[in-house]
Amino acid sequence: TIASMSLRQGDDRVALMGLRGGLDG
């Protein structure tokens, strides 16, 4: 019911590339 994909940004950050079924915001 919830799916996400995240990729690392450099050594110290993560970016959420896509989200389905998450809450607002």
mmCIF file of all heavy atoms, coordinates in Angstrom:
data_MODEL
# 
_entry.id   MODEL 
# 
loop_
_atom_site.group_PDB 
_atom_site.id 
_atom_site.type_symbol 
_atom_site.label_atom_id 
_atom_site.label_alt_id 
_atom_site.label_comp_id 
_atom_site.label_asym_id 
_atom_site.label_entity_id 
_atom_site.label_seq_id 
_atom_site.pdbx_PDB_ins_code 
_atom_site.Cartn_x 
_atom_site.Cartn_y 
_atom_site.Cartn_z 
_atom_site.occupancy 
_atom_site.B_iso_or_equiv 
_atom_site.pdbx_formal_charge 
_atom_site.auth_seq_id 
_atom_site.auth_comp_id 
_atom_site.auth_asym_id 
_atom_site.auth_atom_id 
_atom_site.pdbx_PDB_model_num 
ATOM 1   N N   . THR A 1 1  ? 0.825  -1.211 0.000  1.00 0.00 ? 1  THR A N   1 
ATOM 2   C CA  . THR A 1 1  ? 0.000  0.000  0.000  1.00 0.00 ? 1  THR A CA  1 
ATOM 3   C C   . THR A 1 1  ? 0.858  1.260  0.000  1.00 0.00 ? 1  THR A C   1 
ATOM 4   O O   . THR A 1 1  ? 0.373  2.335  -0.351 1.00 0.00 ? 1  THR A O   1 
ATOM 5   C CB  . THR A 1 1  ? -0.921 0.008  1.227  1.00 0.00 ? 1  THR A CB  1 
ATOM 6   O OG1 . THR A 1 1  ? -0.135 -0.183 2.411  1.00 0.00 ? 1  THR A OG1 1 
ATOM 7   C CG2 . THR A 1 1  ? -1.958 -1.112 1.113  1.00 0.00 ? 1  THR A CG2 1 
ATOM 8   N N   . ILE A 1 2  ? 2.106  1.137  0.413  1.00 0.00 ? 2  ILE A N   1 
ATOM 9   C CA  . ILE A 1 2  ? 3.047  2.264  0.381  1.00 0.00 ? 2  ILE A CA  1 
ATOM 10  C C   . ILE A 1 2  ? 4.331  1.774  -0.277 1.00 0.00 ? 2  ILE A C   1 
ATOM 11  O O   . ILE A 1 2  ? 4.837  0.698  0.045  1.00 0.00 ? 2  ILE A O   1 
ATOM 12  C CB  . ILE A 1 2  ? 3.367  2.801  1.795  1.00 0.00 ? 2  ILE A CB  1 
ATOM 13  C CG1 . ILE A 1 2  ? 2.083  3.218  2.529  1.00 0.00 ? 2  ILE A CG1 1 
ATOM 14  C CG2 . ILE A 1 2  ? 4.326  3.985  1.707  1.00 0.00 ? 2  ILE A CG2 1 
ATOM 15  C CD1 . ILE A 1 2  ? 2.317  3.632  3.973  1.00 0.00 ? 2  ILE A CD1 1 
ATOM 16  N N   . ALA A 1 3  ? 4.841  2.558  -1.221 1.00 0.00 ? 3  ALA A N   1 
ATOM 17  C CA  . ALA A 1 3  ? 6.100  2.200  -1.893 1.00 0.00 ? 3  ALA A CA  1 
ATOM 18  C C   . ALA A 1 3  ? 6.918  3.466  -2.087 1.00 0.00 ? 3  ALA A C   1 
ATOM 19  O O   . ALA A 1 3  ? 6.375  4.533  -2.403 1.00 0.00 ? 3  ALA A O   1 
ATOM 20  C CB  . ALA A 1 3  ? 5.834  1.535  -3.239 1.00 0.00 ? 3  ALA A CB  1 
ATOM 21  N N   . SER A 1 4  ? 8.218  3.342  -1.904 1.00 0.00 ? 4  SER A N   1 
ATOM 22  C CA  . SER A 1 4  ? 9.106  4.494  -2.076 1.00 0.00 ? 4  SER A CA  1 
ATOM 23  C C   . SER A 1 4  ? 10.420 4.049  -2.678 1.00 0.00 ? 4  SER A C   1 
ATOM 24  O O   . SER A 1 4  ? 10.791 2.876  -2.599 1.00 0.00 ? 4  SER A O   1 
ATOM 25  C CB  . SER A 1 4  ? 9.374  5.195  -0.732 1.00 0.00 ? 4  SER A CB  1 
ATOM 26  O OG  . SER A 1 4  ? 10.130 4.352  0.129  1.00 0.00 ? 4  SER A OG  1 
ATOM 27  N N   . MET A 1 5  ? 11.109 5.008  -3.287 1.00 0.00 ? 5  MET A N   1 
ATOM 28  C CA  . MET A 1 5  ? 12.458 4.767  -3.783 1.00 0.00 ? 5  MET A CA  1 
ATOM 29  C C   . MET A 1 5  ? 13.299 5.984  -3.458 1.00 0.00 ? 5  MET A C   1 
ATOM 30  O O   . MET A 1 5  ? 12.904 7.130  -3.741 1.00 0.00 ? 5  MET A O   1 
ATOM 31  C CB  . MET A 1 5  ? 12.459 4.517  -5.287 1.00 0.00 ? 5  MET A CB  1 
ATOM 32  C CG  . MET A 1 5  ? 13.851 4.349  -5.882 1.00 0.00 ? 5  MET A CG  1 
ATOM 33  S SD  . MET A 1 5  ? 13.786 3.906  -7.633 1.00 0.00 ? 5  MET A SD  1 
ATOM 34  C CE  . MET A 1 5  ? 15.446 4.380  -8.146 1.00 0.00 ? 5  MET A CE  1 
ATOM 35  N N   . SER A 1 6  ? 14.431 5.753  -2.833 1.00 0.00 ? 6  SER A N   1 
ATOM 36  C CA  . SER A 1 6  ? 15.319 6.835  -2.408 1.00 0.00 ? 6  SER A CA  1 
ATOM 37  C C   . SER A 1 6  ? 16.724 6.565  -2.911 1.00 0.00 ? 6  SER A C   1 
ATOM 38  O O   . SER A 1 6  ? 17.142 5.409  -3.010 1.00 0.00 ? 6  SER A O   1 
ATOM 39  C CB  . SER A 1 6  ? 15.338 6.965  -0.874 1.00 0.00 ? 6  SER A CB  1 
ATOM 40  O OG  . SER A 1 6  ? 14.037 7.199  -0.363 1.00 0.00 ? 6  SER A OG  1 
ATOM 41  N N   . LEU A 1 7  ? 17.448 7.643  -3.221 1.00 0.00 ? 7  LEU A N   1 
ATOM 42  C CA  . LEU A 1 7  ? 18.826 7.530  -3.682 1.00 0.00 ? 7  LEU A CA  1 
ATOM 43  C C   . LEU A 1 7  ? 19.720 8.407  -2.820 1.00 0.00 ? 7  LEU A C   1 
ATOM 44  O O   . LEU A 1 7  ? 19.319 9.485  -2.372 1.00 0.00 ? 7  LEU A O   1 
ATOM 45  C CB  . LEU A 1 7  ? 18.945 7.956  -5.150 1.00 0.00 ? 7  LEU A CB  1 
ATOM 46  C CG  . LEU A 1 7  ? 18.219 7.080  -6.180 1.00 0.00 ? 7  LEU A CG  1 
ATOM 47  C CD1 . LEU A 1 7  ? 18.420 7.652  -7.573 1.00 0.00 ? 7  LEU A CD1 1 
ATOM 48  C CD2 . LEU A 1 7  ? 18.712 5.646  -6.123 1.00 0.00 ? 7  LEU A CD2 1 
ATOM 49  N N   . ARG A 1 8  ? 20.921 7.928  -2.648 1.00 0.00 ? 8  ARG A N   1 
ATOM 50  C CA  . ARG A 1 8  ? 21.895 8.675  -1.859 1.00 0.00 ? 8  ARG A CA  1 
ATOM 51  C C   . ARG A 1 8  ? 22.385 9.892  -2.627 1.00 0.00 ? 8  ARG A C   1 
ATOM 52  O O   . ARG A 1 8  ? 22.604 9.835  -3.839 1.00 0.00 ? 8  ARG A O   1 
ATOM 53  C CB  . ARG A 1 8  ? 23.071 7.762  -1.517 1.00 0.00 ? 8  ARG A CB  1 
ATOM 54  C CG  . ARG A 1 8  ? 24.009 8.326  -0.464 1.00 0.00 ? 8  ARG A CG  1 
ATOM 55  C CD  . ARG A 1 8  ? 24.902 7.243  0.081  1.00 0.00 ? 8  ARG A CD  1 
ATOM 56  N NE  . ARG A 1 8  ? 25.661 7.694  1.226  1.00 0.00 ? 8  ARG A NE  1 
ATOM 57  C CZ  . ARG A 1 8  ? 26.318 6.904  2.050  1.00 0.00 ? 8  ARG A CZ  1 
ATOM 58  N NH1 . ARG A 1 8  ? 26.303 5.599  1.820  1.00 0.00 ? 8  ARG A NH1 1 
ATOM 59  N NH2 . ARG A 1 8  ? 26.997 7.376  3.076  1.00 0.00 ? 8  ARG A NH2 1 
ATOM 60  N N   . GLN A 1 9  ? 22.553 11.003 -1.912 1.00 0.00 ? 9  GLN A N   1 
ATOM 61  C CA  . GLN A 1 9  ? 23.107 12.222 -2.481 1.00 0.00 ? 9  GLN A CA  1 
ATOM 62  C C   . GLN A 1 9  ? 24.436 12.509 -1.790 1.00 0.00 ? 9  GLN A C   1 
ATOM 63  O O   . GLN A 1 9  ? 24.453 12.975 -0.641 1.00 0.00 ? 9  GLN A O   1 
ATOM 64  C CB  . GLN A 1 9  ? 22.161 13.406 -2.283 1.00 0.00 ? 9  GLN A CB  1 
ATOM 65  C CG  . GLN A 1 9  ? 20.905 13.347 -3.117 1.00 0.00 ? 9  GLN A CG  1 
ATOM 66  C CD  . GLN A 1 9  ? 20.038 14.577 -2.920 1.00 0.00 ? 9  GLN A CD  1 
ATOM 67  O OE1 . GLN A 1 9  ? 19.860 15.069 -1.808 1.00 0.00 ? 9  GLN A OE1 1 
ATOM 68  N NE2 . GLN A 1 9  ? 19.504 15.105 -4.003 1.00 0.00 ? 9  GLN A NE2 1 
ATOM 69  N N   . GLY A 1 10 ? 25.527 12.205 -2.482 1.00 0.00 ? 10 GLY A N   1 
ATOM 70  C CA  . GLY A 1 10 ? 26.822 12.396 -1.851 1.00 0.00 ? 10 GLY A CA  1 
ATOM 71  C C   . GLY A 1 10 ? 26.994 11.441 -0.685 1.00 0.00 ? 10 GLY A C   1 
ATOM 72  O O   . GLY A 1 10 ? 26.415 10.344 -0.642 1.00 0.00 ? 10 GLY A O   1 
ATOM 73  N N   . ASP A 1 11 ? 27.780 11.866 0.308  1.00 0.00 ? 11 ASP A N   1 
ATOM 74  C CA  . ASP A 1 11 ? 28.071 10.994 1.440  1.00 0.00 ? 11 ASP A CA  1 
ATOM 75  C C   . ASP A 1 11 ? 27.096 11.155 2.590  1.00 0.00 ? 11 ASP A C   1 
ATOM 76  O O   . ASP A 1 11 ? 26.977 10.260 3.434  1.00 0.00 ? 11 ASP A O   1 
ATOM 77  C CB  . ASP A 1 11 ? 29.489 11.258 1.959  1.00 0.00 ? 11 ASP A CB  1 
ATOM 78  C CG  . ASP A 1 11 ? 30.551 10.862 0.948  1.00 0.00 ? 11 ASP A CG  1 
ATOM 79  O OD1 . ASP A 1 11 ? 30.293 9.932  0.155  1.00 0.00 ? 11 ASP A OD1 1 
ATOM 80  O OD2 . ASP A 1 11 ? 31.626 11.501 0.946  1.00 0.00 ? 11 ASP A OD2 1 
ATOM 81  N N   . ASP A 1 12 ? 26.397 12.301 2.662  1.00 0.00 ? 12 ASP A N   1 
ATOM 82  C CA  . ASP A 1 12 ? 25.665 12.588 3.894  1.00 0.00 ? 12 ASP A CA  1 
ATOM 83  C C   . ASP A 1 12 ? 24.190 12.911 3.725  1.00 0.00 ? 12 ASP A C   1 
ATOM 84  O O   . ASP A 1 12 ? 23.532 13.325 4.668  1.00 0.00 ? 12 ASP A O   1 
ATOM 85  C CB  . ASP A 1 12 ? 26.348 13.745 4.637  1.00 0.00 ? 12 ASP A CB  1 
ATOM 86  C CG  . ASP A 1 12 ? 26.465 14.994 3.770  1.00 0.00 ? 12 ASP A CG  1 
ATOM 87  O OD1 . ASP A 1 12 ? 26.012 14.963 2.615  1.00 0.00 ? 12 ASP A OD1 1 
ATOM 88  O OD2 . ASP A 1 12 ? 27.022 15.993 4.267  1.00 0.00 ? 12 ASP A OD2 1 
ATOM 89  N N   . ARG A 1 13 ? 23.627 12.713 2.531  1.00 0.00 ? 13 ARG A N   1 
ATOM 90  C CA  . ARG A 1 13 ? 22.207 13.012 2.356  1.00 0.00 ? 13 ARG A CA  1 
ATOM 91  C C   . ARG A 1 13 ? 21.522 11.945 1.508  1.00 0.00 ? 13 ARG A C   1 
ATOM 92  O O   . ARG A 1 13 ? 22.167 11.212 0.754  1.00 0.00 ? 13 ARG A O   1 
ATOM 93  C CB  . ARG A 1 13 ? 21.986 14.394 1.734  1.00 0.00 ? 13 ARG A CB  1 
ATOM 94  C CG  . ARG A 1 13 ? 22.483 15.546 2.592  1.00 0.00 ? 13 ARG A CG  1 
ATOM 95  C CD  . ARG A 1 13 ? 21.918 16.878 2.138  1.00 0.00 ? 13 ARG A CD  1 
ATOM 96  N NE  . ARG A 1 13 ? 20.502 17.029 2.419  1.00 0.00 ? 13 ARG A NE  1 
ATOM 97  C CZ  . ARG A 1 13 ? 20.001 17.355 3.606  1.00 0.00 ? 13 ARG A CZ  1 
ATOM 98  N NH1 . ARG A 1 13 ? 20.804 17.555 4.646  1.00 0.00 ? 13 ARG A NH1 1 
ATOM 99  N NH2 . ARG A 1 13 ? 18.698 17.481 3.763  1.00 0.00 ? 13 ARG A NH2 1 
ATOM 100 N N   . VAL A 1 14 ? 20.194 11.891 1.663  1.00 0.00 ? 14 VAL A N   1 
ATOM 101 C CA  . VAL A 1 14 ? 19.357 10.960 0.915  1.00 0.00 ? 14 VAL A CA  1 
ATOM 102 C C   . VAL A 1 14 ? 18.213 11.750 0.298  1.00 0.00 ? 14 VAL A C   1 
ATOM 103 O O   . VAL A 1 14 ? 17.653 12.647 0.939  1.00 0.00 ? 14 VAL A O   1 
ATOM 104 C CB  . VAL A 1 14 ? 18.793 9.855  1.832  1.00 0.00 ? 14 VAL A CB  1 
ATOM 105 C CG1 . VAL A 1 14 ? 17.827 8.951  1.062  1.00 0.00 ? 14 VAL A CG1 1 
ATOM 106 C CG2 . VAL A 1 14 ? 19.918 9.026  2.417  1.00 0.00 ? 14 VAL A CG2 1 
ATOM 107 N N   . ALA A 1 15 ? 17.852 11.435 -0.936 1.00 0.00 ? 15 ALA A N   1 
ATOM 108 C CA  . ALA A 1 15 ? 16.751 12.110 -1.623 1.00 0.00 ? 15 ALA A CA  1 
ATOM 109 C C   . ALA A 1 15 ? 15.640 11.097 -1.902 1.00 0.00 ? 15 ALA A C   1 
ATOM 110 O O   . ALA A 1 15 ? 15.895 10.005 -2.405 1.00 0.00 ? 15 ALA A O   1 
ATOM 111 C CB  . ALA A 1 15 ? 17.221 12.738 -2.923 1.00 0.00 ? 15 ALA A CB  1 
ATOM 112 N N   . LEU A 1 16 ? 14.400 11.483 -1.574 1.00 0.00 ? 16 LEU A N   1 
ATOM 113 C CA  . LEU A 1 16 ? 13.241 10.665 -1.908 1.00 0.00 ? 16 LEU A CA  1 
ATOM 114 C C   . LEU A 1 16 ? 12.900 10.914 -3.368 1.00 0.00 ? 16 LEU A C   1 
ATOM 115 O O   . LEU A 1 16 ? 12.464 12.004 -3.748 1.00 0.00 ? 16 LEU A O   1 
ATOM 116 C CB  . LEU A 1 16 ? 12.060 11.035 -1.016 1.00 0.00 ? 16 LEU A CB  1 
ATOM 117 C CG  . LEU A 1 16 ? 10.748 10.303 -1.287 1.00 0.00 ? 16 LEU A CG  1 
ATOM 118 C CD1 . LEU A 1 16 ? 10.900 8.809  -1.005 1.00 0.00 ? 16 LEU A CD1 1 
ATOM 119 C CD2 . LEU A 1 16 ? 9.620  10.898 -0.453 1.00 0.00 ? 16 LEU A CD2 1 
ATOM 120 N N   . MET A 1 17 ? 13.078 9.902  -4.224 1.00 0.00 ? 17 MET A N   1 
ATOM 121 C CA  . MET A 1 17 ? 12.854 10.053 -5.659 1.00 0.00 ? 17 MET A CA  1 
ATOM 122 C C   . MET A 1 17 ? 11.394 9.828  -6.042 1.00 0.00 ? 17 MET A C   1 
ATOM 123 O O   . MET A 1 17 ? 10.911 10.397 -7.026 1.00 0.00 ? 17 MET A O   1 
ATOM 124 C CB  . MET A 1 17 ? 13.734 9.069  -6.429 1.00 0.00 ? 17 MET A CB  1 
ATOM 125 C CG  . MET A 1 17 ? 15.218 9.166  -6.102 1.00 0.00 ? 17 MET A CG  1 
ATOM 126 S SD  . MET A 1 17 ? 15.892 10.795 -6.443 1.00 0.00 ? 17 MET A SD  1 
ATOM 127 C CE  . MET A 1 17 ? 15.728 10.867 -8.227 1.00 0.00 ? 17 MET A CE  1 
ATOM 128 N N   . GLY A 1 18 ? 10.686 8.997  -5.278 1.00 0.00 ? 18 GLY A N   1 
ATOM 129 C CA  . GLY A 1 18 ? 9.303  8.716  -5.593 1.00 0.00 ? 18 GLY A CA  1 
ATOM 130 C C   . GLY A 1 18 ? 8.600  8.091  -4.406 1.00 0.00 ? 18 GLY A C   1 
ATOM 131 O O   . GLY A 1 18 ? 9.203  7.347  -3.629 1.00 0.00 ? 18 GLY A O   1 
ATOM 132 N N   . LEU A 1 19 ? 7.289  8.415  -4.252 1.00 0.00 ? 19 LEU A N   1 
ATOM 133 C CA  . LEU A 1 19 ? 6.519  7.889  -3.129 1.00 0.00 ? 19 LEU A CA  1 
ATOM 134 C C   . LEU A 1 19 ? 5.083  7.655  -3.584 1.00 0.00 ? 19 LEU A C   1 
ATOM 135 O O   . LEU A 1 19 ? 4.479  8.514  -4.239 1.00 0.00 ? 19 LEU A O   1 
ATOM 136 C CB  . LEU A 1 19 ? 6.533  8.883  -1.964 1.00 0.00 ? 19 LEU A CB  1 
ATOM 137 C CG  . LEU A 1 19 ? 5.655  8.541  -0.759 1.00 0.00 ? 19 LEU A CG  1 
ATOM 138 C CD1 . LEU A 1 19 ? 6.159  7.280  -0.072 1.00 0.00 ? 19 LEU A CD1 1 
ATOM 139 C CD2 . LEU A 1 19 ? 5.602  9.711  0.214  1.00 0.00 ? 19 LEU A CD2 1 
ATOM 140 N N   . ARG A 1 20 ? 4.547  6.528  -3.209 1.00 0.00 ? 20 ARG A N   1 
ATOM 141 C CA  . ARG A 1 20 ? 3.144  6.222  -3.482 1.00 0.00 ? 20 ARG A CA  1 
ATOM 142 C C   . ARG A 1 20 ? 2.495  5.741  -2.188 1.00 0.00 ? 20 ARG A C   1 
ATOM 143 O O   . ARG A 1 20 ? 3.026  4.878  -1.499 1.00 0.00 ? 20 ARG A O   1 
ATOM 144 C CB  . ARG A 1 20 ? 3.019  5.141  -4.552 1.00 0.00 ? 20 ARG A CB  1 
ATOM 145 C CG  . ARG A 1 20 ? 1.575  4.759  -4.847 1.00 0.00 ? 20 ARG A CG  1 
ATOM 146 C CD  . ARG A 1 20 ? 1.515  3.627  -5.833 1.00 0.00 ? 20 ARG A CD  1 
ATOM 147 N NE  . ARG A 1 20 ? 0.134  3.208  -6.081 1.00 0.00 ? 20 ARG A NE  1 
ATOM 148 C CZ  . ARG A 1 20 ? -0.210 2.165  -6.828 1.00 0.00 ? 20 ARG A CZ  1 
ATOM 149 N NH1 . ARG A 1 20 ? 0.738  1.446  -7.404 1.00 0.00 ? 20 ARG A NH1 1 
ATOM 150 N NH2 . ARG A 1 20 ? -1.470 1.849  -7.003 1.00 0.00 ? 20 ARG A NH2 1 
ATOM 151 N N   . GLY A 1 21 ? 1.352  6.344  -1.859 1.00 0.00 ? 21 GLY A N   1 
ATOM 152 C CA  . GLY A 1 21 ? 0.607  5.914  -0.687 1.00 0.00 ? 21 GLY A CA  1 
ATOM 153 C C   . GLY A 1 21 ? 1.024  6.588  0.602  1.00 0.00 ? 21 GLY A C   1 
ATOM 154 O O   . GLY A 1 21 ? 0.554  6.212  1.671  1.00 0.00 ? 21 GLY A O   1 
ATOM 155 N N   . GLY A 1 22 ? 1.905  7.597  0.539  1.00 0.00 ? 22 GLY A N   1 
ATOM 156 C CA  . GLY A 1 22 ? 2.337  8.280  1.739  1.00 0.00 ? 22 GLY A CA  1 
ATOM 157 C C   . GLY A 1 22 ? 1.322  9.313  2.206  1.00 0.00 ? 22 GLY A C   1 
ATOM 158 O O   . GLY A 1 22 ? 0.314  9.592  1.551  1.00 0.00 ? 22 GLY A O   1 
ATOM 159 N N   . LEU A 1 23 ? 1.590  9.909  3.360  1.00 0.00 ? 23 LEU A N   1 
ATOM 160 C CA  . LEU A 1 23 ? 0.728  10.948 3.903  1.00 0.00 ? 23 LEU A CA  1 
ATOM 161 C C   . LEU A 1 23 ? 1.035  12.284 3.251  1.00 0.00 ? 23 LEU A C   1 
ATOM 162 O O   . LEU A 1 23 ? 2.115  12.492 2.695  1.00 0.00 ? 23 LEU A O   1 
ATOM 163 C CB  . LEU A 1 23 ? 0.933  11.056 5.420  1.00 0.00 ? 23 LEU A CB  1 
ATOM 164 C CG  . LEU A 1 23 ? 0.617  9.786  6.240  1.00 0.00 ? 23 LEU A CG  1 
ATOM 165 C CD1 . LEU A 1 23 ? 0.947  10.020 7.703  1.00 0.00 ? 23 LEU A CD1 1 
ATOM 166 C CD2 . LEU A 1 23 ? -0.842 9.378  6.072  1.00 0.00 ? 23 LEU A CD2 1 
ATOM 167 N N   . ASP A 1 24 ? 0.088  13.215 3.361  1.00 0.00 ? 24 ASP A N   1 
ATOM 168 C CA  . ASP A 1 24 ? 0.302  14.557 2.839  1.00 0.00 ? 24 ASP A CA  1 
ATOM 169 C C   . ASP A 1 24 ? 1.518  15.191 3.517  1.00 0.00 ? 24 ASP A C   1 
ATOM 170 O O   . ASP A 1 24 ? 1.662  15.133 4.746  1.00 0.00 ? 24 ASP A O   1 
ATOM 171 C CB  . ASP A 1 24 ? -0.929 15.429 3.094  1.00 0.00 ? 24 ASP A CB  1 
ATOM 172 C CG  . ASP A 1 24 ? -2.112 15.011 2.233  1.00 0.00 ? 24 ASP A CG  1 
ATOM 173 O OD1 . ASP A 1 24 ? -1.885 14.314 1.226  1.00 0.00 ? 24 ASP A OD1 1 
ATOM 174 O OD2 . ASP A 1 24 ? -3.261 15.369 2.590  1.00 0.00 ? 24 ASP A OD2 1 
ATOM 175 N N   . GLY A 1 25 ? 2.374  15.782 2.709  1.00 0.00 ? 25 GLY A N   1 
ATOM 176 C CA  . GLY A 1 25 ? 3.547  16.472 3.234  1.00 0.00 ? 25 GLY A CA  1 
ATOM 177 C C   . GLY A 1 25 ? 4.780  15.609 3.371  1.00 0.00 ? 25 GLY A C   1 
ATOM 178 O O   . GLY A 1 25 ? 5.880  16.121 3.621  1.00 0.00 ? 25 GLY A O   1 
# 
